[in-house]
Structure formats: C-alpha cells, structure tokens
C-alpha cells in the first residue's frame, strides 16, 4: 500500500507539506526528526490528511497532482475545509485502486 499525505507544522500552522510513502507510520517520525531537508526547519509536524493507494505509480501521480496549481486548489476546496483540529480521519469509500478518507467531528463530551 502507498500513501499520499498532508502534514502541517505545529509550530508554523501556515506551513504544510504534501508527500508520498510506502510506510506512513515511519515517515512522520522522520519528518519530526529533521531527516527531510524540506520539512526540517518547520518541525514538529502532525498528519492532517492521507489517502491510501495499492499502486505506487497512482500514488506518485496523485502526489504530483496535489503539488500542482490545480491540485492545490482542489486540496484547498475539497480537503482543507475538513482539516480542523476537532476532526478525525475515517474511511468513507474503497475501490480496488483507491481508499478515500474524510474527517468527521470528534465527539465533544461536555
């Protein structure tokens, strides 16, 4: 399984990074340890969105799209409105080539 993900800097919330990896659980600690030149100066990071792909090349193509001008507009309109701290990631649909996730409001106990 391959993952396309968006992380946000905790210290600099305006800074986000889009990436792709085969091991999402390993990759986030690498960003937070400063092992990526692109993310080291804005650490620590938190995962705010991801999408799973069974195919590496589809994941890399989607990552490239999200980094494009139109992909950033898509992410801003379709992904970022749901990326608030009180949301959590939950699967909403799955096909053979794509698993989509959305954020839902976390339960707020008074």
Foldseek 3Di string as FASTA:
>chain_A
DKKWFKKAQPQHRVDIDIDMDPDPVVVLVCLQVLVDVVRNVRDDIDTQAMKDFPDPVVNVVLSVLCPDPVNVVCCVVPPVVQRDPQWDWDWDDDDNTITHIGTDGHDDDD
